[in-house]
N, C-alpha and C. Protein backbone atom coordinates (compact mmCIF):
# COMPACT_ATOMS: atom_id res chain seq x y z
N MET A 1 0.82 -1.20 0.00
CA MET A 1 0.00 0.00 0.00
C MET A 1 0.87 1.26 0.00
N LYS A 2 1.98 1.21 0.75
CA LYS A 2 2.89 2.36 0.81
C LYS A 2 3.41 2.70 -0.58
N TYR A 3 3.74 1.65 -1.34
CA TYR A 3 4.30 1.87 -2.67
C TYR A 3 3.28 2.49 -3.62
N VAL A 4 2.04 2.08 -3.49
CA VAL A 4 0.97 2.65 -4.32
C VAL A 4 0.82 4.13 -4.03
N LEU A 5 0.82 4.48 -2.74
CA LEU A 5 0.72 5.90 -2.35
C LEU A 5 1.93 6.69 -2.83
N LEU A 6 3.10 6.10 -2.72
CA LEU A 6 4.32 6.77 -3.17
C LEU A 6 4.28 7.02 -4.67
N ILE A 7 3.87 6.03 -5.42
CA ILE A 7 3.75 6.18 -6.87
C ILE A 7 2.72 7.25 -7.22
N LEU A 8 1.62 7.26 -6.50
CA LEU A 8 0.58 8.27 -6.74
C LEU A 8 1.10 9.68 -6.46
N VAL A 9 1.82 9.86 -5.37
CA VAL A 9 2.38 11.17 -5.02
C VAL A 9 3.38 11.62 -6.09
N VAL A 10 4.26 10.73 -6.51
CA VAL A 10 5.24 11.07 -7.55
C VAL A 10 4.52 11.43 -8.85
N PHE A 11 3.52 10.67 -9.22
CA PHE A 11 2.76 10.95 -10.44
C PHE A 11 2.10 12.33 -10.38
N LEU A 12 1.50 12.66 -9.25
CA LEU A 12 0.85 13.96 -9.09
C LEU A 12 1.86 15.10 -9.17
N GLN A 13 3.02 14.93 -8.58
CA GLN A 13 4.05 15.97 -8.65
C GLN A 13 4.51 16.19 -10.08
N VAL A 14 4.74 15.11 -10.81
CA VAL A 14 5.17 15.22 -12.20
C VAL A 14 4.08 15.86 -13.04
N SER A 15 2.83 15.47 -12.83
CA SER A 15 1.71 16.04 -13.58
C SER A 15 1.59 17.53 -13.34
N CYS A 16 1.70 17.95 -12.10
CA CYS A 16 1.59 19.37 -11.78
C CYS A 16 2.73 20.16 -12.40
N GLN A 17 3.93 19.61 -12.40
CA GLN A 17 5.07 20.31 -12.98
C GLN A 17 4.91 20.46 -14.48
N GLN A 18 4.32 19.49 -15.16
CA GLN A 18 4.15 19.57 -16.60
C GLN A 18 3.15 20.66 -16.99
N ASN A 19 2.23 21.01 -16.11
CA ASN A 19 1.22 22.02 -16.42
C ASN A 19 1.68 23.43 -16.09
N ASP A 20 2.79 23.58 -15.39
CA ASP A 20 3.30 24.91 -15.06
C ASP A 20 3.95 25.51 -16.30
N LYS A 21 3.31 26.50 -16.86
CA LYS A 21 3.87 27.17 -18.02
C LYS A 21 4.78 28.28 -17.55
N ASP A 22 5.90 28.41 -18.22
CA ASP A 22 6.86 29.43 -17.88
C ASP A 22 7.60 29.80 -19.17
N TYR A 23 7.31 30.96 -19.73
CA TYR A 23 7.96 31.37 -20.97
C TYR A 23 7.95 32.89 -21.09
N ASP A 24 8.71 33.36 -22.04
CA ASP A 24 8.76 34.77 -22.41
C ASP A 24 9.10 34.77 -23.89
N ASP A 25 8.13 35.08 -24.73
CA ASP A 25 8.35 34.94 -26.17
C ASP A 25 7.75 36.11 -26.94
N ILE A 26 8.30 36.34 -28.11
CA ILE A 26 7.84 37.40 -29.01
C ILE A 26 6.77 36.81 -29.93
N ILE A 27 5.64 37.50 -30.05
CA ILE A 27 4.60 37.09 -30.99
C ILE A 27 4.79 37.82 -32.32
N VAL A 28 5.06 39.13 -32.24
CA VAL A 28 5.26 39.95 -33.44
C VAL A 28 6.46 40.85 -33.22
N GLU A 29 7.30 40.92 -34.24
CA GLU A 29 8.40 41.89 -34.24
C GLU A 29 8.89 42.04 -35.67
N ASN A 30 9.17 43.27 -36.08
CA ASN A 30 9.65 43.55 -37.44
C ASN A 30 8.71 42.99 -38.50
N LYS A 31 7.42 43.13 -38.26
CA LYS A 31 6.36 42.67 -39.17
C LYS A 31 6.38 41.15 -39.41
N THR A 32 7.03 40.43 -38.51
CA THR A 32 7.10 38.97 -38.59
C THR A 32 6.31 38.37 -37.43
N ILE A 33 5.45 37.41 -37.76
CA ILE A 33 4.62 36.73 -36.76
C ILE A 33 5.25 35.38 -36.44
N ASN A 34 5.41 35.11 -35.16
CA ASN A 34 5.96 33.85 -34.68
C ASN A 34 4.82 32.82 -34.62
N THR A 35 4.52 32.20 -35.77
CA THR A 35 3.38 31.29 -35.85
C THR A 35 3.58 30.02 -35.03
N SER A 36 4.81 29.55 -34.92
CA SER A 36 5.03 28.33 -34.12
C SER A 36 4.69 28.58 -32.65
N PHE A 37 5.01 29.77 -32.15
CA PHE A 37 4.65 30.10 -30.77
C PHE A 37 3.13 30.25 -30.66
N LEU A 38 2.50 30.91 -31.63
CA LEU A 38 1.04 31.09 -31.59
C LEU A 38 0.31 29.76 -31.52
N GLU A 39 0.82 28.77 -32.23
CA GLU A 39 0.19 27.45 -32.23
C GLU A 39 0.18 26.80 -30.86
N SER A 40 1.12 27.19 -30.00
CA SER A 40 1.22 26.57 -28.67
C SER A 40 0.37 27.27 -27.61
N LEU A 41 -0.27 28.38 -27.96
CA LEU A 41 -1.04 29.14 -26.97
C LEU A 41 -2.31 28.41 -26.56
N ASP A 42 -2.66 28.51 -25.28
CA ASP A 42 -3.92 27.95 -24.81
C ASP A 42 -5.02 29.02 -24.92
N GLU A 43 -6.22 28.67 -24.49
CA GLU A 43 -7.37 29.58 -24.65
C GLU A 43 -7.16 30.91 -23.93
N SER A 44 -6.64 30.87 -22.72
CA SER A 44 -6.45 32.12 -21.97
C SER A 44 -5.46 33.04 -22.68
N GLU A 45 -4.40 32.48 -23.20
CA GLU A 45 -3.37 33.27 -23.88
C GLU A 45 -3.90 33.86 -25.18
N LYS A 46 -4.65 33.07 -25.94
CA LYS A 46 -5.25 33.57 -27.18
C LYS A 46 -6.27 34.67 -26.88
N THR A 47 -7.03 34.50 -25.81
CA THR A 47 -8.03 35.51 -25.44
C THR A 47 -7.37 36.82 -25.05
N LEU A 48 -6.30 36.75 -24.27
CA LEU A 48 -5.60 37.98 -23.89
C LEU A 48 -5.03 38.67 -25.13
N LEU A 49 -4.42 37.92 -26.01
CA LEU A 49 -3.89 38.49 -27.25
C LEU A 49 -5.01 39.14 -28.05
N SER A 50 -6.13 38.46 -28.19
CA SER A 50 -7.23 39.00 -29.00
C SER A 50 -7.80 40.28 -28.40
N TRP A 51 -7.78 40.42 -27.06
CA TRP A 51 -8.24 41.66 -26.43
C TRP A 51 -7.36 42.83 -26.85
N TYR A 52 -6.06 42.63 -26.88
CA TYR A 52 -5.16 43.72 -27.26
C TYR A 52 -5.26 44.03 -28.75
N LEU A 53 -5.58 43.04 -29.56
CA LEU A 53 -5.84 43.30 -30.98
C LEU A 53 -7.13 44.11 -31.12
N TYR A 54 -8.11 43.80 -30.28
CA TYR A 54 -9.38 44.53 -30.28
C TYR A 54 -9.16 45.98 -29.86
N ALA A 55 -8.34 46.18 -28.83
CA ALA A 55 -8.14 47.51 -28.26
C ALA A 55 -7.29 48.42 -29.16
N TYR A 56 -6.39 47.83 -29.94
CA TYR A 56 -5.49 48.62 -30.79
C TYR A 56 -5.64 48.17 -32.23
N GLY A 57 -5.74 49.11 -33.11
CA GLY A 57 -5.79 48.76 -34.52
C GLY A 57 -7.15 49.00 -35.13
N ASN A 58 -7.15 49.10 -36.43
CA ASN A 58 -8.36 49.37 -37.19
C ASN A 58 -9.04 48.07 -37.60
N GLU A 59 -10.28 48.21 -38.10
CA GLU A 59 -10.99 47.03 -38.56
C GLU A 59 -10.24 46.40 -39.72
N CYS A 60 -10.53 45.15 -40.00
CA CYS A 60 -9.84 44.41 -41.05
C CYS A 60 -10.75 44.21 -42.25
N LYS A 61 -10.13 44.23 -43.40
CA LYS A 61 -10.79 43.83 -44.65
C LYS A 61 -10.28 42.43 -44.99
N ASP A 62 -11.02 41.73 -45.84
CA ASP A 62 -10.68 40.34 -46.16
C ASP A 62 -9.25 40.15 -46.66
N ASP A 63 -8.76 41.07 -47.45
CA ASP A 63 -7.45 40.90 -48.07
C ASP A 63 -6.34 41.70 -47.39
N SER A 64 -6.58 42.18 -46.20
CA SER A 64 -5.62 43.03 -45.51
C SER A 64 -4.38 42.24 -45.08
N GLU A 65 -3.24 42.88 -45.23
CA GLU A 65 -1.97 42.29 -44.81
C GLU A 65 -1.47 42.89 -43.50
N LYS A 66 -2.30 43.71 -42.85
CA LYS A 66 -1.89 44.30 -41.57
C LYS A 66 -1.65 43.20 -40.55
N ILE A 67 -0.69 43.45 -39.67
CA ILE A 67 -0.35 42.47 -38.63
C ILE A 67 -1.58 42.08 -37.83
N LYS A 68 -2.37 43.06 -37.41
CA LYS A 68 -3.56 42.77 -36.62
C LYS A 68 -4.47 41.80 -37.37
N CYS A 69 -4.69 42.05 -38.64
CA CYS A 69 -5.60 41.22 -39.43
C CYS A 69 -5.05 39.81 -39.62
N ARG A 70 -3.76 39.71 -39.83
CA ARG A 70 -3.13 38.39 -39.98
C ARG A 70 -3.23 37.60 -38.67
N LEU A 71 -3.05 38.28 -37.53
CA LEU A 71 -3.19 37.61 -36.24
C LEU A 71 -4.64 37.16 -36.00
N LEU A 72 -5.59 38.03 -36.32
CA LEU A 72 -7.00 37.65 -36.17
C LEU A 72 -7.35 36.46 -37.04
N ASP A 73 -6.82 36.42 -38.27
CA ASP A 73 -7.02 35.26 -39.14
C ASP A 73 -6.48 34.00 -38.47
N PHE A 74 -5.29 34.10 -37.92
CA PHE A 74 -4.67 32.95 -37.26
C PHE A 74 -5.52 32.48 -36.08
N LEU A 75 -6.10 33.43 -35.35
CA LEU A 75 -6.95 33.11 -34.19
C LEU A 75 -8.37 32.73 -34.60
N LYS A 76 -8.65 32.78 -35.90
CA LYS A 76 -9.97 32.43 -36.46
C LYS A 76 -11.08 33.36 -35.95
N ILE A 77 -10.75 34.66 -35.87
CA ILE A 77 -11.72 35.68 -35.49
C ILE A 77 -12.03 36.49 -36.74
N GLU A 78 -13.24 36.29 -37.27
CA GLU A 78 -13.62 36.96 -38.51
C GLU A 78 -14.22 38.33 -38.27
N ASP A 79 -14.94 38.49 -37.17
CA ASP A 79 -15.63 39.75 -36.89
C ASP A 79 -15.46 40.08 -35.41
N GLU A 80 -14.73 41.15 -35.14
CA GLU A 80 -14.47 41.52 -33.75
C GLU A 80 -15.73 41.99 -33.02
N CYS A 81 -16.78 42.33 -33.73
CA CYS A 81 -18.02 42.77 -33.08
C CYS A 81 -19.07 41.65 -33.05
N ASN A 82 -18.66 40.44 -33.36
CA ASN A 82 -19.54 39.28 -33.30
C ASN A 82 -19.92 39.04 -31.84
N PRO A 83 -21.22 38.91 -31.54
CA PRO A 83 -21.66 38.73 -30.15
C PRO A 83 -21.01 37.54 -29.43
N THR A 84 -20.79 36.44 -30.12
CA THR A 84 -20.16 35.28 -29.49
C THR A 84 -18.74 35.62 -29.04
N TYR A 85 -18.00 36.27 -29.91
CA TYR A 85 -16.63 36.68 -29.59
C TYR A 85 -16.62 37.70 -28.44
N LEU A 86 -17.50 38.68 -28.53
CA LEU A 86 -17.57 39.71 -27.48
C LEU A 86 -17.94 39.10 -26.13
N ASN A 87 -18.87 38.14 -26.13
CA ASN A 87 -19.25 37.48 -24.87
C ASN A 87 -18.09 36.71 -24.26
N LYS A 88 -17.27 36.10 -25.11
CA LYS A 88 -16.08 35.40 -24.60
C LYS A 88 -15.14 36.40 -23.92
N LEU A 89 -14.90 37.54 -24.57
CA LEU A 89 -14.05 38.56 -23.96
C LEU A 89 -14.68 39.11 -22.68
N LEU A 90 -15.99 39.32 -22.70
CA LEU A 90 -16.68 39.82 -21.50
C LEU A 90 -16.54 38.85 -20.33
N GLN A 91 -16.57 37.56 -20.61
CA GLN A 91 -16.39 36.56 -19.54
C GLN A 91 -14.99 36.69 -18.95
N TRP A 92 -13.97 36.71 -19.79
CA TRP A 92 -12.60 36.75 -19.32
C TRP A 92 -12.26 38.08 -18.63
N PHE A 93 -12.85 39.18 -19.08
CA PHE A 93 -12.53 40.50 -18.54
C PHE A 93 -13.65 41.06 -17.67
N SER A 94 -14.48 40.20 -17.11
CA SER A 94 -15.65 40.64 -16.33
C SER A 94 -15.28 41.48 -15.11
N LYS A 95 -14.06 41.36 -14.61
CA LYS A 95 -13.66 42.12 -13.42
C LYS A 95 -12.95 43.43 -13.77
N ASP A 96 -12.87 43.74 -15.07
CA ASP A 96 -12.22 44.97 -15.53
C ASP A 96 -13.31 45.87 -16.12
N MET A 97 -13.77 46.84 -15.35
CA MET A 97 -14.90 47.68 -15.77
C MET A 97 -14.62 48.47 -17.04
N LEU A 98 -13.38 48.92 -17.24
CA LEU A 98 -13.04 49.65 -18.46
C LEU A 98 -13.15 48.74 -19.68
N ALA A 99 -12.66 47.52 -19.55
CA ALA A 99 -12.77 46.56 -20.65
C ALA A 99 -14.23 46.25 -20.95
N VAL A 100 -15.03 46.05 -19.91
CA VAL A 100 -16.46 45.77 -20.10
C VAL A 100 -17.12 46.93 -20.84
N TYR A 101 -16.80 48.15 -20.46
CA TYR A 101 -17.36 49.34 -21.11
C TYR A 101 -16.97 49.36 -22.59
N LYS A 102 -15.70 49.14 -22.88
CA LYS A 102 -15.23 49.16 -24.28
C LYS A 102 -15.87 48.04 -25.09
N LEU A 103 -16.02 46.87 -24.48
CA LEU A 103 -16.60 45.74 -25.20
C LEU A 103 -18.08 45.96 -25.51
N ASN A 104 -18.77 46.68 -24.66
CA ASN A 104 -20.18 46.96 -24.92
C ASN A 104 -20.36 48.00 -26.03
N LYS A 105 -19.33 48.73 -26.36
CA LYS A 105 -19.41 49.75 -27.41
C LYS A 105 -18.85 49.24 -28.74
N CYS A 106 -18.02 48.23 -28.72
CA CYS A 106 -17.35 47.70 -29.90
C CYS A 106 -16.79 48.83 -30.77
N PRO A 107 -15.79 49.54 -30.27
CA PRO A 107 -15.28 50.72 -30.96
C PRO A 107 -14.24 50.40 -32.03
N ASN A 108 -14.64 49.72 -33.05
CA ASN A 108 -13.72 49.38 -34.12
C ASN A 108 -13.49 50.58 -35.03
N MET A 109 -12.24 51.03 -35.15
CA MET A 109 -11.95 52.13 -36.07
C MET A 109 -12.04 51.61 -37.50
N PRO A 110 -12.73 52.33 -38.37
CA PRO A 110 -12.87 51.88 -39.76
C PRO A 110 -11.51 51.68 -40.43
N TYR A 111 -11.50 50.77 -41.38
CA TYR A 111 -10.30 50.43 -42.14
C TYR A 111 -9.69 51.66 -42.79
N ASP A 112 -10.53 52.55 -43.30
CA ASP A 112 -10.05 53.73 -44.03
C ASP A 112 -10.13 55.02 -43.20
N SER A 113 -10.14 54.89 -41.88
CA SER A 113 -10.21 56.04 -40.98
C SER A 113 -8.96 56.91 -41.13
N ALA A 114 -9.11 58.20 -40.81
CA ALA A 114 -7.95 59.10 -40.79
C ALA A 114 -6.96 58.67 -39.72
N ILE A 115 -7.46 58.02 -38.67
CA ILE A 115 -6.60 57.52 -37.60
C ILE A 115 -6.25 56.06 -37.91
N GLN A 116 -4.96 55.79 -37.97
CA GLN A 116 -4.48 54.45 -38.27
C GLN A 116 -3.49 54.02 -37.19
N ASN A 117 -3.71 52.85 -36.63
CA ASN A 117 -2.77 52.26 -35.67
C ASN A 117 -2.13 51.04 -36.32
N SER A 118 -0.85 50.86 -36.06
CA SER A 118 -0.18 49.67 -36.57
C SER A 118 0.61 49.02 -35.45
N ILE A 119 0.43 47.72 -35.31
CA ILE A 119 1.08 46.97 -34.25
C ILE A 119 2.51 46.66 -34.68
N GLU A 120 3.46 47.08 -33.85
CA GLU A 120 4.88 46.91 -34.16
C GLU A 120 5.49 45.70 -33.45
N LYS A 121 5.05 45.47 -32.21
CA LYS A 121 5.63 44.36 -31.44
C LYS A 121 4.64 43.90 -30.39
N ILE A 122 4.60 42.59 -30.18
CA ILE A 122 3.83 42.01 -29.08
C ILE A 122 4.70 40.92 -28.46
N GLN A 123 4.81 40.98 -27.16
CA GLN A 123 5.56 39.98 -26.40
C GLN A 123 4.66 39.44 -25.30
N LEU A 124 4.68 38.14 -25.13
CA LEU A 124 3.85 37.49 -24.12
C LEU A 124 4.73 36.67 -23.18
N SER A 125 4.50 36.85 -21.88
CA SER A 125 5.25 36.11 -20.86
C SER A 125 4.25 35.42 -19.95
N ARG A 126 4.66 34.28 -19.46
CA ARG A 126 3.80 33.57 -18.51
C ARG A 126 4.66 32.97 -17.40
N ARG A 127 4.19 33.18 -16.20
CA ARG A 127 4.77 32.56 -15.01
C ARG A 127 3.60 31.93 -14.26
N LYS A 128 3.42 30.64 -14.46
CA LYS A 128 2.33 29.88 -13.86
C LYS A 128 0.97 30.49 -14.21
N ASP A 129 0.30 31.14 -13.25
CA ASP A 129 -1.03 31.70 -13.49
C ASP A 129 -1.01 33.19 -13.83
N THR A 130 0.15 33.73 -14.14
CA THR A 130 0.24 35.16 -14.44
C THR A 130 0.73 35.36 -15.87
N LEU A 131 -0.07 36.10 -16.63
CA LEU A 131 0.29 36.46 -18.01
C LEU A 131 0.68 37.93 -18.05
N THR A 132 1.75 38.23 -18.77
CA THR A 132 2.17 39.61 -18.98
C THR A 132 2.28 39.82 -20.48
N ILE A 133 1.66 40.89 -20.95
CA ILE A 133 1.71 41.22 -22.37
C ILE A 133 2.30 42.61 -22.54
N MET A 134 3.20 42.72 -23.51
CA MET A 134 3.78 44.01 -23.87
C MET A 134 3.43 44.25 -25.33
N ILE A 135 2.90 45.44 -25.62
CA ILE A 135 2.52 45.78 -26.98
C ILE A 135 3.09 47.15 -27.34
N GLN A 136 3.61 47.25 -28.56
CA GLN A 136 4.07 48.53 -29.10
C GLN A 136 3.22 48.84 -30.32
N VAL A 137 2.67 50.05 -30.34
CA VAL A 137 1.78 50.47 -31.42
C VAL A 137 2.25 51.84 -31.92
N LYS A 138 2.25 51.99 -33.24
CA LYS A 138 2.49 53.30 -33.84
C LYS A 138 1.16 53.79 -34.38
N GLY A 139 0.89 55.07 -34.17
CA GLY A 139 -0.37 55.64 -34.63
C GLY A 139 -0.14 56.87 -35.48
N LEU A 140 -1.11 57.14 -36.34
CA LEU A 140 -1.04 58.29 -37.23
C LEU A 140 -2.44 58.84 -37.44
N ASN A 141 -2.57 60.15 -37.30
CA ASN A 141 -3.82 60.84 -37.64
C ASN A 141 -3.52 61.66 -38.88
N ASN A 142 -3.96 61.16 -40.03
CA ASN A 142 -3.67 61.80 -41.31
C ASN A 142 -4.26 63.19 -41.42
N SER A 143 -5.46 63.40 -40.89
CA SER A 143 -6.12 64.70 -41.06
C SER A 143 -5.47 65.78 -40.20
N GLN A 144 -4.90 65.41 -39.07
CA GLN A 144 -4.26 66.40 -38.19
C GLN A 144 -2.73 66.34 -38.26
N GLU A 145 -2.21 65.44 -39.09
CA GLU A 145 -0.77 65.27 -39.25
C GLU A 145 -0.06 65.08 -37.91
N LYS A 146 -0.61 64.18 -37.10
CA LYS A 146 -0.02 63.86 -35.80
C LYS A 146 0.29 62.37 -35.77
N ASN A 147 1.31 62.02 -35.00
CA ASN A 147 1.60 60.60 -34.81
C ASN A 147 1.96 60.35 -33.36
N TRP A 148 1.96 59.08 -32.97
CA TRP A 148 2.23 58.70 -31.59
C TRP A 148 2.80 57.29 -31.55
N ASP A 149 3.48 57.03 -30.46
CA ASP A 149 4.01 55.70 -30.17
C ASP A 149 3.49 55.30 -28.80
N ILE A 150 2.96 54.10 -28.73
CA ILE A 150 2.45 53.56 -27.46
C ILE A 150 3.25 52.30 -27.14
N GLU A 151 3.72 52.22 -25.93
CA GLU A 151 4.29 50.96 -25.43
C GLU A 151 3.63 50.71 -24.09
N GLN A 152 2.95 49.58 -23.99
CA GLN A 152 2.17 49.27 -22.80
C GLN A 152 2.48 47.85 -22.35
N THR A 153 2.65 47.68 -21.06
CA THR A 153 2.86 46.36 -20.47
C THR A 153 1.84 46.17 -19.36
N ASP A 154 1.11 45.07 -19.43
CA ASP A 154 0.09 44.76 -18.42
C ASP A 154 0.25 43.31 -17.99
N SER A 155 -0.08 43.06 -16.73
CA SER A 155 -0.04 41.70 -16.18
C SER A 155 -1.41 41.32 -15.64
N TYR A 156 -1.74 40.04 -15.80
CA TYR A 156 -3.04 39.52 -15.37
C TYR A 156 -2.86 38.19 -14.66
N LEU A 157 -3.63 38.02 -13.62
CA LEU A 157 -3.73 36.74 -12.94
C LEU A 157 -4.90 35.99 -13.57
N ILE A 158 -4.69 34.72 -13.90
CA ILE A 158 -5.76 33.89 -14.46
C ILE A 158 -6.43 33.16 -13.31
N GLU A 159 -7.73 33.40 -13.15
CA GLU A 159 -8.47 32.77 -12.06
C GLU A 159 -9.85 32.37 -12.55
N LYS A 160 -10.08 31.07 -12.70
CA LYS A 160 -11.38 30.53 -13.10
C LYS A 160 -11.91 31.20 -14.37
N ASN A 161 -11.16 31.13 -15.45
CA ASN A 161 -11.54 31.71 -16.75
C ASN A 161 -11.85 33.20 -16.67
N THR A 162 -11.14 33.88 -15.79
CA THR A 162 -11.28 35.33 -15.64
C THR A 162 -9.88 35.92 -15.47
N PHE A 163 -9.68 37.09 -16.07
CA PHE A 163 -8.43 37.82 -15.88
C PHE A 163 -8.61 38.86 -14.78
N ILE A 164 -7.64 38.92 -13.89
CA ILE A 164 -7.61 39.96 -12.86
C ILE A 164 -6.35 40.77 -13.12
N LYS A 165 -6.56 42.04 -13.47
CA LYS A 165 -5.42 42.90 -13.80
C LYS A 165 -4.62 43.20 -12.54
N LEU A 166 -3.32 43.03 -12.65
CA LEU A 166 -2.43 43.27 -11.51
C LEU A 166 -1.84 44.67 -11.56
């Protein structure tokens, strides 16, 4: 009986260690998408990435080569204002009132808007139940001849299919 318990304890320890994710990887840099890394993402990681694509960037057209659009294609998101997709984001971000507000408005900037955002870099890190995302965006307002650079890093705790911003 002792041996059975010992084997069970060892098995549980090995199983728990295999589920501990720990990485720091680039998703986008220099207009190149790291597709092999994207393929390894779980649902929580894909959802976090899709939220930042939703928050930054213009709407996509079918033939667009923009980084945001290529990432959305990879994630199989055809319409960012689709109720099913929005409900998924609302579930994950239910504890973030600003995110909930933005998701209820679906503020997609038109493809041909005077304001254009372009995603320059995205980096994703994970330490067990904590995800950290860094995004760099360049923006341009053609009508006012203004531009901007945004670099933002946010961390989230994953708890029962919900993100808690740290």
